[in-house]
Amino acid sequence: MQRKCYSYVRFSHKKQELGTSFARQSDIQHFVDKHNLIVDTTLEDLGVSAFRGKNAKQGQLGGFIDLVESGLIEQNSILLIENFDRLSRQKIIKSTQIFLNLLNRDIDIAVLDT
């Protein structure tokens, strides 16, 4: 059975849409094909800061986290991110809580920028 994945794209300022941020973070096809995944949803927090965690509270990432906590996202699904700083730019304790909460609910996190 193919695993579901959820792609996450975030940048802090709308003006970044004019650059490479969106395209760079959306480049997931190679990873999806290599691991035989099904893309369920692309989550986009465009112009939403992660510095104080707004994306994890109010953005589409926050909605995803709520669905995970409600059991509406299948366990063994994968959240695809370009880099860890896409999820959070908060201090290490708060950032780690986001990662661990997802991992503890059997959601894997794949970091594509290697």
PDB file of N, CA and C in Angstrom:
ATOM      1  N   MET A   1       0.836  -1.186   0.000  1.00  0.00           N
ATOM      2  CA  MET A   1       0.000   0.000   0.000  1.00  0.00           C
ATOM      3  C   MET A   1       0.885   1.255   0.000  1.00  0.00           C
ATOM      4  N   GLN A   2       0.550   2.198  -0.843  1.00  0.00           N
ATOM      5  CA  GLN A   2       1.320   3.435  -0.913  1.00  0.00           C
ATOM      6  C   GLN A   2       1.046   4.308   0.306  1.00  0.00           C
ATOM      7  N   ARG A   3       2.106   4.958   0.768  1.00  0.00           N
ATOM      8  CA  ARG A   3       1.962   5.899   1.876  1.00  0.00           C
ATOM      9  C   ARG A   3       1.518   7.253   1.343  1.00  0.00           C
ATOM     10  N   LYS A   4       0.716   7.941   2.149  1.00  0.00           N
ATOM     11  CA  LYS A   4       0.308   9.313   1.805  1.00  0.00           C
ATOM     12  C   LYS A   4       1.374  10.284   2.298  1.00  0.00           C
ATOM     13  N   CYS A   5       1.512  11.351   1.542  1.00  0.00           N
ATOM     14  CA  CYS A   5       2.401  12.415   1.992  1.00  0.00           C
ATOM     15  C   CYS A   5       1.700  13.755   1.820  1.00  0.00           C
ATOM     16  N   TYR A   6       2.170  14.697   2.588  1.00  0.00           N
ATOM     17  CA  TYR A   6       1.635  16.057   2.610  1.00  0.00           C
ATOM     18  C   TYR A   6       2.815  16.994   2.438  1.00  0.00           C
ATOM     19  N   SER A   7       2.805  17.753   1.374  1.00  0.00           N
ATOM     20  CA  SER A   7       3.879  18.693   1.106  1.00  0.00           C
ATOM     21  C   SER A   7       3.577  20.007   1.831  1.00  0.00           C
ATOM     22  N   TYR A   8       4.609  20.609   2.423  1.00  0.00           N
ATOM     23  CA  TYR A   8       4.420  21.873   3.133  1.00  0.00           C
ATOM     24  C   TYR A   8       5.356  22.941   2.574  1.00  0.00           C
ATOM     25  N   VAL A   9       4.770  24.055   2.163  1.00  0.00           N
ATOM     26  CA  VAL A   9       5.509  25.199   1.628  1.00  0.00           C
ATOM     27  C   VAL A   9       5.192  26.411   2.503  1.00  0.00           C
ATOM     28  N   ARG A  10       6.259  27.085   2.966  1.00  0.00           N
ATOM     29  CA  ARG A  10       6.048  28.280   3.782  1.00  0.00           C
ATOM     30  C   ARG A  10       7.160  29.275   3.527  1.00  0.00           C
ATOM     31  N   PHE A  11       6.765  30.524   3.441  1.00  0.00           N
ATOM     32  CA  PHE A  11       7.728  31.613   3.516  1.00  0.00           C
ATOM     33  C   PHE A  11       7.061  32.776   4.221  1.00  0.00           C
ATOM     34  N   SER A  12       7.883  33.653   4.775  1.00  0.00           N
ATOM     35  CA  SER A  12       7.397  34.684   5.700  1.00  0.00           C
ATOM     36  C   SER A  12       6.770  35.901   5.049  1.00  0.00           C
ATOM     37  N   HIS A  13       7.244  36.279   3.895  1.00  0.00           N
ATOM     38  CA  HIS A  13       6.783  37.517   3.276  1.00  0.00           C
ATOM     39  C   HIS A  13       6.255  37.252   1.878  1.00  0.00           C
ATOM     40  N   LYS A  14       5.126  37.842   1.558  1.00  0.00           N
ATOM     41  CA  LYS A  14       4.512  37.651   0.247  1.00  0.00           C
ATOM     42  C   LYS A  14       5.463  38.018  -0.899  1.00  0.00           C
ATOM     43  N   LYS A  15       6.353  38.972  -0.670  1.00  0.00           N
ATOM     44  CA  LYS A  15       7.279  39.369  -1.739  1.00  0.00           C
ATOM     45  C   LYS A  15       8.205  38.218  -2.140  1.00  0.00           C
ATOM     46  N   GLN A  16       8.335  37.205  -1.286  1.00  0.00           N
ATOM     47  CA  GLN A  16       9.173  36.060  -1.609  1.00  0.00           C
ATOM     48  C   GLN A  16       8.567  35.197  -2.722  1.00  0.00           C
ATOM     49  N   GLU A  17       7.277  35.419  -3.010  1.00  0.00           N
ATOM     50  CA  GLU A  17       6.656  34.714  -4.133  1.00  0.00           C
ATOM     51  C   GLU A  17       7.336  35.072  -5.446  1.00  0.00           C
ATOM     52  N   LEU A  18       7.927  36.235  -5.500  1.00  0.00           N
ATOM     53  CA  LEU A  18       8.582  36.686  -6.721  1.00  0.00           C
ATOM     54  C   LEU A  18       9.924  35.992  -6.936  1.00  0.00           C
ATOM     55  N   GLY A  19      10.470  35.387  -5.903  1.00  0.00           N
ATOM     56  CA  GLY A  19      11.756  34.699  -6.001  1.00  0.00           C
ATOM     57  C   GLY A  19      11.580  33.208  -6.238  1.00  0.00           C
ATOM     58  N   THR A  20      12.502  32.442  -5.706  1.00  0.00           N
ATOM     59  CA  THR A  20      12.510  30.994  -5.938  1.00  0.00           C
ATOM     60  C   THR A  20      11.932  30.187  -4.783  1.00  0.00           C
ATOM     61  N   SER A  21      11.481  30.837  -3.721  1.00  0.00           N
ATOM     62  CA  SER A  21      11.020  30.118  -2.527  1.00  0.00           C
ATOM     63  C   SER A  21       9.956  29.079  -2.835  1.00  0.00           C
ATOM     64  N   PHE A  22       8.925  29.481  -3.551  1.00  0.00           N
ATOM     65  CA  PHE A  22       7.820  28.564  -3.815  1.00  0.00           C
ATOM     66  C   PHE A  22       8.269  27.394  -4.688  1.00  0.00           C
ATOM     67  N   ALA A  23       8.930  27.695  -5.776  1.00  0.00           N
ATOM     68  CA  ALA A  23       9.368  26.634  -6.694  1.00  0.00           C
ATOM     69  C   ALA A  23      10.339  25.679  -6.007  1.00  0.00           C
ATOM     70  N   ARG A  24      11.274  26.218  -5.255  1.00  0.00           N
ATOM     71  CA  ARG A  24      12.277  25.400  -4.561  1.00  0.00           C
ATOM     72  C   ARG A  24      11.619  24.451  -3.564  1.00  0.00           C
ATOM     73  N   GLN A  25      10.654  24.959  -2.811  1.00  0.00           N
ATOM     74  CA  GLN A  25      10.001  24.133  -1.798  1.00  0.00           C
ATOM     75  C   GLN A  25       8.981  23.164  -2.393  1.00  0.00           C
ATOM     76  N   SER A  26       8.514  23.459  -3.572  1.00  0.00           N
ATOM     77  CA  SER A  26       7.501  22.615  -4.214  1.00  0.00           C
ATOM     78  C   SER A  26       8.108  21.481  -5.032  1.00  0.00           C
ATOM     79  N   ASP A  27       9.411  21.436  -5.127  1.00  0.00           N
ATOM     80  CA  ASP A  27      10.093  20.436  -5.948  1.00  0.00           C
ATOM     81  C   ASP A  27      10.179  19.108  -5.187  1.00  0.00           C
ATOM     82  N   ILE A  28       9.082  18.363  -5.205  1.00  0.00           N
ATOM     83  CA  ILE A  28       8.988  17.126  -4.422  1.00  0.00           C
ATOM     84  C   ILE A  28       8.869  15.882  -5.296  1.00  0.00           C
ATOM     85  N   GLN A  29       8.690  16.057  -6.591  1.00  0.00           N
ATOM     86  CA  GLN A  29       8.334  14.922  -7.443  1.00  0.00           C
ATOM     87  C   GLN A  29       9.363  13.793  -7.416  1.00  0.00           C
ATOM     88  N   HIS A  30      10.634  14.132  -7.423  1.00  0.00           N
ATOM     89  CA  HIS A  30      11.670  13.096  -7.395  1.00  0.00           C
ATOM     90  C   HIS A  30      11.538  12.238  -6.127  1.00  0.00           C
ATOM     91  N   PHE A  31      11.350  12.892  -4.990  1.00  0.00           N
ATOM     92  CA  PHE A  31      11.213  12.167  -3.721  1.00  0.00           C
ATOM     93  C   PHE A  31       9.953  11.304  -3.733  1.00  0.00           C
ATOM     94  N   VAL A  32       8.858  11.856  -4.209  1.00  0.00           N
ATOM     95  CA  VAL A  32       7.580  11.134  -4.271  1.00  0.00           C
ATOM     96  C   VAL A  32       7.719   9.894  -5.154  1.00  0.00           C
ATOM     97  N   ASP A  33       8.316  10.059  -6.318  1.00  0.00           N
ATOM     98  CA  ASP A  33       8.495   8.931  -7.235  1.00  0.00           C
ATOM     99  C   ASP A  33       9.442   7.877  -6.651  1.00  0.00           C
ATOM    100  N   LYS A  34      10.545   8.332  -6.087  1.00  0.00           N
ATOM    101  CA  LYS A  34      11.555   7.423  -5.537  1.00  0.00           C
ATOM    102  C   LYS A  34      10.983   6.546  -4.429  1.00  0.00           C
ATOM    103  N   HIS A  35      10.075   7.099  -3.632  1.00  0.00           N
ATOM    104  CA  HIS A  35       9.524   6.374  -2.479  1.00  0.00           C
ATOM    105  C   HIS A  35       8.100   5.882  -2.716  1.00  0.00           C
ATOM    106  N   ASN A  36       7.622   6.012  -3.958  1.00  0.00           N
ATOM    107  CA  ASN A  36       6.299   5.504  -4.330  1.00  0.00           C
ATOM    108  C   ASN A  36       5.195   6.026  -3.404  1.00  0.00           C
ATOM    109  N   LEU A  37       5.142   7.345  -3.261  1.00  0.00           N
ATOM    110  CA  LEU A  37       4.182   7.995  -2.372  1.00  0.00           C
ATOM    111  C   LEU A  37       2.998   8.555  -3.156  1.00  0.00           C
ATOM    112  N   ILE A  38       1.926   8.795  -2.443  1.00  0.00           N
ATOM    113  CA  ILE A  38       0.757   9.485  -2.980  1.00  0.00           C
ATOM    114  C   ILE A  38       0.681  10.849  -2.303  1.00  0.00           C
ATOM    115  N   VAL A  39       0.674  11.909  -3.098  1.00  0.00           N
ATOM    116  CA  VAL A  39       0.540  13.254  -2.526  1.00  0.00           C
ATOM    117  C   VAL A  39      -0.933  13.480  -2.229  1.00  0.00           C
ATOM    118  N   ASP A  40      -1.255  13.645  -0.966  1.00  0.00           N
ATOM    119  CA  ASP A  40      -2.642  13.891  -0.562  1.00  0.00           C
ATOM    120  C   ASP A  40      -2.977  15.363  -0.698  1.00  0.00           C
ATOM    121  N   THR A  41      -2.179  16.206  -0.057  1.00  0.00           N
ATOM    122  CA  THR A  41      -2.465  17.635   0.005  1.00  0.00           C
ATOM    123  C   THR A  41      -1.160  18.417   0.038  1.00  0.00           C
ATOM    124  N   THR A  42      -1.175  19.579  -0.596  1.00  0.00           N
ATOM    125  CA  THR A  42      -0.074  20.520  -0.444  1.00  0.00           C
ATOM    126  C   THR A  42      -0.548  21.623   0.483  1.00  0.00           C
ATOM    127  N   LEU A  43       0.154  21.771   1.580  1.00  0.00           N
ATOM    128  CA  LEU A  43      -0.155  22.800   2.574  1.00  0.00           C
ATOM    129  C   LEU A  43       0.691  24.025   2.253  1.00  0.00           C
ATOM    130  N   GLU A  44       0.070  25.182   2.226  1.00  0.00           N
ATOM    131  CA  GLU A  44       0.789  26.403   1.882  1.00  0.00           C
ATOM    132  C   GLU A  44       0.513  27.505   2.898  1.00  0.00           C
ATOM    133  N   ASP A  45       1.567  27.965   3.513  1.00  0.00           N
ATOM    134  CA  ASP A  45       1.502  29.143   4.375  1.00  0.00           C
ATOM    135  C   ASP A  45       2.377  30.208   3.726  1.00  0.00           C
ATOM    136  N   LEU A  46       1.815  30.884   2.752  1.00  0.00           N
ATOM    137  CA  LEU A  46       2.543  31.879   1.973  1.00  0.00           C
ATOM    138  C   LEU A  46       2.396  33.240   2.635  1.00  0.00           C
ATOM    139  N   GLY A  47       3.507  33.774   3.093  1.00  0.00           N
ATOM    140  CA  GLY A  47       3.480  35.042   3.804  1.00  0.00           C
ATOM    141  C   GLY A  47       3.138  34.876   5.278  1.00  0.00           C
ATOM    142  N   VAL A  48       3.375  33.687   5.824  1.00  0.00           N
ATOM    143  CA  VAL A  48       3.079  33.405   7.237  1.00  0.00           C
ATOM    144  C   VAL A  48       4.389  33.104   7.953  1.00  0.00           C
ATOM    145  N   SER A  49       4.681  33.867   8.961  1.00  0.00           N
ATOM    146  CA  SER A  49       5.930  33.716   9.697  1.00  0.00           C
ATOM    147  C   SER A  49       5.911  32.496  10.609  1.00  0.00           C
ATOM    148  N   ALA A  50       7.070  31.894  10.755  1.00  0.00           N
ATOM    149  CA  ALA A  50       7.239  30.791  11.700  1.00  0.00           C
ATOM    150  C   ALA A  50       8.048  31.249  12.913  1.00  0.00           C
ATOM    151  N   PHE A  51       8.434  32.528  12.938  1.00  0.00           N
ATOM    152  CA  PHE A  51       9.304  33.044  14.000  1.00  0.00           C
ATOM    153  C   PHE A  51       8.669  32.913  15.378  1.00  0.00           C
ATOM    154  N   ARG A  52       7.379  33.197  15.477  1.00  0.00           N
ATOM    155  CA  ARG A  52       6.664  33.056  16.749  1.00  0.00           C
ATOM    156  C   ARG A  52       5.640  31.918  16.689  1.00  0.00           C
ATOM    157  N   GLY A  53       5.706  31.106  15.644  1.00  0.00           N
ATOM    158  CA  GLY A  53       4.840  29.937  15.553  1.00  0.00           C
ATOM    159  C   GLY A  53       3.462  30.174  14.978  1.00  0.00           C
ATOM    160  N   LYS A  54       3.261  31.312  14.328  1.00  0.00           N
ATOM    161  CA  LYS A  54       1.945  31.608  13.755  1.00  0.00           C
ATOM    162  C   LYS A  54       1.510  30.527  12.772  1.00  0.00           C
ATOM    163  N   ASN A  55       2.439  30.005  11.998  1.00  0.00           N
ATOM    164  CA  ASN A  55       2.110  28.974  11.013  1.00  0.00           C
ATOM    165  C   ASN A  55       1.598  27.692  11.676  1.00  0.00           C
ATOM    166  N   ALA A  56       2.126  27.366  12.836  1.00  0.00           N
ATOM    167  CA  ALA A  56       1.727  26.132  13.531  1.00  0.00           C
ATOM    168  C   ALA A  56       0.456  26.320  14.351  1.00  0.00           C
ATOM    169  N   LYS A  57       0.029  27.564  14.523  1.00  0.00           N
ATOM    170  CA  LYS A  57      -1.191  27.832  15.285  1.00  0.00           C
ATOM    171  C   LYS A  57      -2.350  28.202  14.374  1.00  0.00           C
ATOM    172  N   GLN A  58      -2.103  29.098  13.414  1.00  0.00           N
ATOM    173  CA  GLN A  58      -3.186  29.639  12.598  1.00  0.00           C
ATOM    174  C   GLN A  58      -3.105  29.244  11.136  1.00  0.00           C
ATOM    175  N   GLY A  59      -1.957  28.866  10.675  1.00  0.00           N
ATOM    176  CA  GLY A  59      -1.786  28.577   9.259  1.00  0.00           C
ATOM    177  C   GLY A  59      -2.270  27.188   8.879  1.00  0.00           C
ATOM    178  N   GLN A  60      -1.997  26.823   7.630  1.00  0.00           N
ATOM    179  CA  GLN A  60      -2.385  25.500   7.165  1.00  0.00           C
ATOM    180  C   GLN A  60      -1.620  24.405   7.903  1.00  0.00           C
ATOM    181  N   LEU A  61      -0.402  24.695   8.333  1.00  0.00           N
ATOM    182  CA  LEU A  61       0.316  23.722   9.156  1.00  0.00           C
ATOM    183  C   LEU A  61      -0.447  23.480  10.454  1.00  0.00           C
ATOM    184  N   GLY A  62      -0.964  24.543  11.055  1.00  0.00           N
ATOM    185  CA  GLY A  62      -1.765  24.397  12.272  1.00  0.00           C
ATOM    186  C   GLY A  62      -2.989  23.528  12.044  1.00  0.00           C
ATOM    187  N   GLY A  63      -3.644  23.717  10.895  1.00  0.00           N
ATOM    188  CA  GLY A  63      -4.798  22.880  10.552  1.00  0.00           C
ATOM    189  C   GLY A  63      -4.396  21.427  10.388  1.00  0.00           C
ATOM    190  N   PHE A  64      -3.245  21.196   9.764  1.00  0.00           N
ATOM    191  CA  PHE A  64      -2.728  19.835   9.597  1.00  0.00           C
ATOM    192  C   PHE A  64      -2.458  19.201  10.961  1.00  0.00           C
ATOM    193  N   ILE A  65      -1.814  19.947  11.837  1.00  0.00           N
ATOM    194  CA  ILE A  65      -1.520  19.439  13.189  1.00  0.00           C
ATOM    195  C   ILE A  65      -2.817  19.087  13.912  1.00  0.00           C
ATOM    196  N   ASP A  66      -3.835  19.935  13.785  1.00  0.00           N
ATOM    197  CA  ASP A  66      -5.138  19.646  14.405  1.00  0.00           C
ATOM    198  C   ASP A  66      -5.725  18.347  13.858  1.00  0.00           C
ATOM    199  N   LEU A  67      -5.624  18.143  12.541  1.00  0.00           N
ATOM    200  CA  LEU A  67      -6.146  16.907  11.935  1.00  0.00           C
ATOM    201  C   LEU A  67      -5.360  15.684  12.403  1.00  0.00           C
ATOM    202  N   VAL A  68      -4.053  15.839  12.543  1.00  0.00           N
ATOM    203  CA  VAL A  68      -3.230  14.738  13.068  1.00  0.00           C
ATOM    204  C   VAL A  68      -3.669  14.400  14.485  1.00  0.00           C
ATOM    205  N   GLU A  69      -3.818  15.423  15.321  1.00  0.00           N
ATOM    206  CA  GLU A  69      -4.200  15.203  16.723  1.00  0.00           C
ATOM    207  C   GLU A  69      -5.602  14.635  16.845  1.00  0.00           C
ATOM    208  N   SER A  70      -6.467  14.907  15.872  1.00  0.00           N
ATOM    209  CA  SER A  70      -7.830  14.367  15.873  1.00  0.00           C
ATOM    210  C   SER A  70      -7.896  12.965  15.277  1.00  0.00           C
ATOM    211  N   GLY A  71      -6.778  12.484  14.757  1.00  0.00           N
ATOM    212  CA  GLY A  71      -6.748  11.157  14.159  1.00  0.00           C
ATOM    213  C   GLY A  71      -7.285  11.117  12.737  1.00  0.00           C
ATOM    214  N   LEU A  72      -7.442  12.278  12.106  1.00  0.00           N
ATOM    215  CA  LEU A  72      -7.995  12.331  10.750  1.00  0.00           C
ATOM    216  C   LEU A  72      -6.931  12.229   9.653  1.00  0.00           C
ATOM    217  N   ILE A  73      -5.666  12.294  10.040  1.00  0.00           N
ATOM    218  CA  ILE A  73      -4.568  12.036   9.107  1.00  0.00           C
ATOM    219  C   ILE A  73      -4.062  10.629   9.424  1.00  0.00           C
ATOM    220  N   GLU A  74      -3.960   9.812   8.392  1.00  0.00           N
ATOM    221  CA  GLU A  74      -3.536   8.426   8.595  1.00  0.00           C
ATOM    222  C   GLU A  74      -2.156   8.352   9.233  1.00  0.00           C
ATOM    223  N   GLN A  75      -2.021   7.447  10.203  1.00  0.00           N
ATOM    224  CA  GLN A  75      -0.707   7.173  10.751  1.00  0.00           C
ATOM    225  C   GLN A  75       0.164   6.636   9.626  1.00  0.00           C
ATOM    226  N   ASN A  76       1.458   6.815   9.763  1.00  0.00           N
ATOM    227  CA  ASN A  76       2.437   6.382   8.776  1.00  0.00           C
ATOM    228  C   ASN A  76       2.466   7.307   7.554  1.00  0.00           C
ATOM    229  N   SER A  77       1.760   8.435   7.628  1.00  0.00           N
ATOM    230  CA  SER A  77       1.847   9.443   6.567  1.00  0.00           C
ATOM    231  C   SER A  77       3.154  10.212   6.743  1.00  0.00           C
ATOM    232  N   ILE A  78       3.497  10.975   5.728  1.00  0.00           N
ATOM    233  CA  ILE A  78       4.757  11.712   5.745  1.00  0.00           C
ATOM    234  C   ILE A  78       4.488  13.190   5.465  1.00  0.00           C
ATOM    235  N   LEU A  79       5.078  14.051   6.265  1.00  0.00           N
ATOM    236  CA  LEU A  79       5.059  15.483   6.004  1.00  0.00           C
ATOM    237  C   LEU A  79       6.371  15.826   5.301  1.00  0.00           C
ATOM    238  N   LEU A  80       6.292  16.375   4.095  1.00  0.00           N
ATOM    239  CA  LEU A  80       7.477  16.736   3.319  1.00  0.00           C
ATOM    240  C   LEU A  80       7.783  18.220   3.511  1.00  0.00           C
ATOM    241  N   ILE A  81       9.006  18.504   3.927  1.00  0.00           N
ATOM    242  CA  ILE A  81       9.435  19.891   4.095  1.00  0.00           C
ATOM    243  C   ILE A  81      10.800  20.070   3.428  1.00  0.00           C
ATOM    244  N   GLU A  82      11.053  21.260   2.962  1.00  0.00           N
ATOM    245  CA  GLU A  82      12.351  21.535   2.343  1.00  0.00           C
ATOM    246  C   GLU A  82      13.454  21.512   3.392  1.00  0.00           C
ATOM    247  N   ASN A  83      13.184  22.120   4.528  1.00  0.00           N
ATOM    248  CA  ASN A  83      14.172  22.247   5.578  1.00  0.00           C
ATOM    249  C   ASN A  83      13.428  22.382   6.904  1.00  0.00           C
ATOM    250  N   PHE A  84      14.087  22.096   8.001  1.00  0.00           N
ATOM    251  CA  PHE A  84      13.420  22.184   9.302  1.00  0.00           C
ATOM    252  C   PHE A  84      12.875  23.575   9.595  1.00  0.00           C
ATOM    253  N   ASP A  85      13.538  24.609   9.101  1.00  0.00           N
ATOM    254  CA  ASP A  85      13.074  25.960   9.406  1.00  0.00           C
ATOM    255  C   ASP A  85      11.769  26.328   8.703  1.00  0.00           C
ATOM    256  N   ARG A  86      11.273  25.477   7.815  1.00  0.00           N
ATOM    257  CA  ARG A  86       9.955  25.700   7.221  1.00  0.00           C
ATOM    258  C   ARG A  86       8.868  25.481   8.274  1.00  0.00           C
ATOM    259  N   LEU A  87       9.077  24.536   9.189  1.00  0.00           N
ATOM    260  CA  LEU A  87       8.088  24.265  10.229  1.00  0.00           C
ATOM    261  C   LEU A  87       8.148  25.265  11.360  1.00  0.00           C
ATOM    262  N   SER A  88       9.349  25.625  11.761  1.00  0.00           N
ATOM    263  CA  SER A  88       9.464  26.517  12.914  1.00  0.00           C
ATOM    264  C   SER A  88      10.783  27.264  12.901  1.00  0.00           C
ATOM    265  N   ARG A  89      10.692  28.505  13.354  1.00  0.00           N
ATOM    266  CA  ARG A  89      11.886  29.315  13.601  1.00  0.00           C
ATOM    267  C   ARG A  89      11.890  29.770  15.062  1.00  0.00           C
ATOM    268  N   GLN A  90      11.094  29.078  15.860  1.00  0.00           N
ATOM    269  CA  GLN A  90      11.034  29.390  17.276  1.00  0.00           C
ATOM    270  C   GLN A  90      12.253  28.808  17.989  1.00  0.00           C
ATOM    271  N   LYS A  91      12.365  29.109  19.261  1.00  0.00           N
ATOM    272  CA  LYS A  91      13.460  28.555  20.058  1.00  0.00           C
ATOM    273  C   LYS A  91      13.384  27.033  20.028  1.00  0.00           C
ATOM    274  N   ILE A  92      14.487  26.391  20.301  1.00  0.00           N
ATOM    275  CA  ILE A  92      14.634  24.952  20.118  1.00  0.00           C
ATOM    276  C   ILE A  92      13.582  24.130  20.873  1.00  0.00           C
ATOM    277  N   ILE A  93      13.221  24.535  22.073  1.00  0.00           N
ATOM    278  CA  ILE A  93      12.241  23.770  22.857  1.00  0.00           C
ATOM    279  C   ILE A  93      10.891  23.746  22.138  1.00  0.00           C
ATOM    280  N   LYS A  94      10.420  24.900  21.691  1.00  0.00           N
ATOM    281  CA  LYS A  94       9.127  24.958  21.005  1.00  0.00           C
ATOM    282  C   LYS A  94       9.186  24.269  19.650  1.00  0.00           C
ATOM    283  N   SER A  95      10.277  24.438  18.927  1.00  0.00           N
ATOM    284  CA  SER A  95      10.434  23.772  17.636  1.00  0.00           C
ATOM    285  C   SER A  95      10.408  22.261  17.801  1.00  0.00           C
ATOM    286  N   THR A  96      11.140  21.793  18.772  1.00  0.00           N
ATOM    287  CA  THR A  96      11.222  20.350  19.017  1.00  0.00           C
ATOM    288  C   THR A  96       9.861  19.779  19.380  1.00  0.00           C
ATOM    289  N   GLN A  97       9.049  20.536  20.096  1.00  0.00           N
ATOM    290  CA  GLN A  97       7.715  20.064  20.460  1.00  0.00           C
ATOM    291  C   GLN A  97       6.869  19.784  19.224  1.00  0.00           C
ATOM    292  N   ILE A  98       6.936  20.649  18.232  1.00  0.00           N
ATOM    293  CA  ILE A  98       6.183  20.446  16.996  1.00  0.00           C
ATOM    294  C   ILE A  98       6.631  19.148  16.332  1.00  0.00           C
ATOM    295  N   PHE A  99       7.950  18.979  16.181  1.00  0.00           N
ATOM    296  CA  PHE A  99       8.488  17.778  15.537  1.00  0.00           C
ATOM    297  C   PHE A  99       8.094  16.521  16.300  1.00  0.00           C
ATOM    298  N   LEU A 100       8.309  16.545  17.614  1.00  0.00           N
ATOM    299  CA  LEU A 100       8.036  15.352  18.418  1.00  0.00           C
ATOM    300  C   LEU A 100       6.554  15.014  18.474  1.00  0.00           C
ATOM    301  N   ASN A 101       5.695  16.024  18.525  1.00  0.00           N
ATOM    302  CA  ASN A 101       4.253  15.758  18.541  1.00  0.00           C
ATOM    303  C   ASN A 101       3.825  15.026  17.270  1.00  0.00           C
ATOM    304  N   LEU A 102       4.358  15.430  16.136  1.00  0.00           N
ATOM    305  CA  LEU A 102       4.032  14.744  14.885  1.00  0.00           C
ATOM    306  C   LEU A 102       4.619  13.332  14.875  1.00  0.00           C
ATOM    307  N   LEU A 103       5.873  13.213  15.247  1.00  0.00           N
ATOM    308  CA  LEU A 103       6.519  11.899  15.260  1.00  0.00           C
ATOM    309  C   LEU A 103       5.835  10.943  16.240  1.00  0.00           C
ATOM    310  N   ASN A 104       5.440  11.452  17.388  1.00  0.00           N
ATOM    311  CA  ASN A 104       4.767  10.614  18.393  1.00  0.00           C
ATOM    312  C   ASN A 104       3.388  10.150  17.939  1.00  0.00           C
ATOM    313  N   ARG A 105       2.832  10.807  16.946  1.00  0.00           N
ATOM    314  CA  ARG A 105       1.531  10.403  16.392  1.00  0.00           C
ATOM    315  C   ARG A 105       1.723   9.633  15.081  1.00  0.00           C
ATOM    316  N   ASP A 106       2.928   9.110  14.914  1.00  0.00           N
ATOM    317  CA  ASP A 106       3.276   8.271  13.754  1.00  0.00           C
ATOM    318  C   ASP A 106       3.175   9.000  12.416  1.00  0.00           C
ATOM    319  N   ILE A 107       3.533  10.274  12.426  1.00  0.00           N
ATOM    320  CA  ILE A 107       3.677  11.041  11.191  1.00  0.00           C
ATOM    321  C   ILE A 107       5.179  11.259  11.004  1.00  0.00           C
ATOM    322  N   ASP A 108       5.718  10.761   9.914  1.00  0.00           N
ATOM    323  CA  ASP A 108       7.134  10.962   9.630  1.00  0.00           C
ATOM    324  C   ASP A 108       7.325  12.325   8.985  1.00  0.00           C
ATOM    325  N   ILE A 109       8.521  12.867   9.153  1.00  0.00           N
ATOM    326  CA  ILE A 109       8.866  14.152   8.556  1.00  0.00           C
ATOM    327  C   ILE A 109      10.072  13.913   7.652  1.00  0.00           C
ATOM    328  N   ALA A 110       9.917  14.208   6.373  1.00  0.00           N
ATOM    329  CA  ALA A 110      11.012  14.050   5.423  1.00  0.00           C
ATOM    330  C   ALA A 110      11.548  15.427   5.069  1.00  0.00           C
ATOM    331  N   VAL A 111      12.839  15.611   5.303  1.00  0.00           N
ATOM    332  CA  VAL A 111      13.516  16.866   4.978  1.00  0.00           C
ATOM    333  C   VAL A 111      14.178  16.675   3.615  1.00  0.00           C
ATOM    334  N   LEU A 112      13.737  17.439   2.631  1.00  0.00           N
ATOM    335  CA  LEU A 112      14.165  17.224   1.253  1.00  0.00           C
ATOM    336  C   LEU A 112      15.473  17.910   0.893  1.00  0.00           C
ATOM    337  N   ASP A 113      15.878  18.925   1.637  1.00  0.00           N
ATOM    338  CA  ASP A 113      17.110  19.651   1.356  1.00  0.00           C
ATOM    339  C   ASP A 113      18.272  18.944   2.025  1.00  0.00           C
ATOM    340  N   THR A 114      18.896  18.081   1.263  1.00  0.00           N
ATOM    341  CA  THR A 114      20.001  17.306   1.847  1.00  0.00           C
ATOM    342  C   THR A 114      21.313  17.654   1.216  1.00  0.00           C
TER     343      THR A 114
END
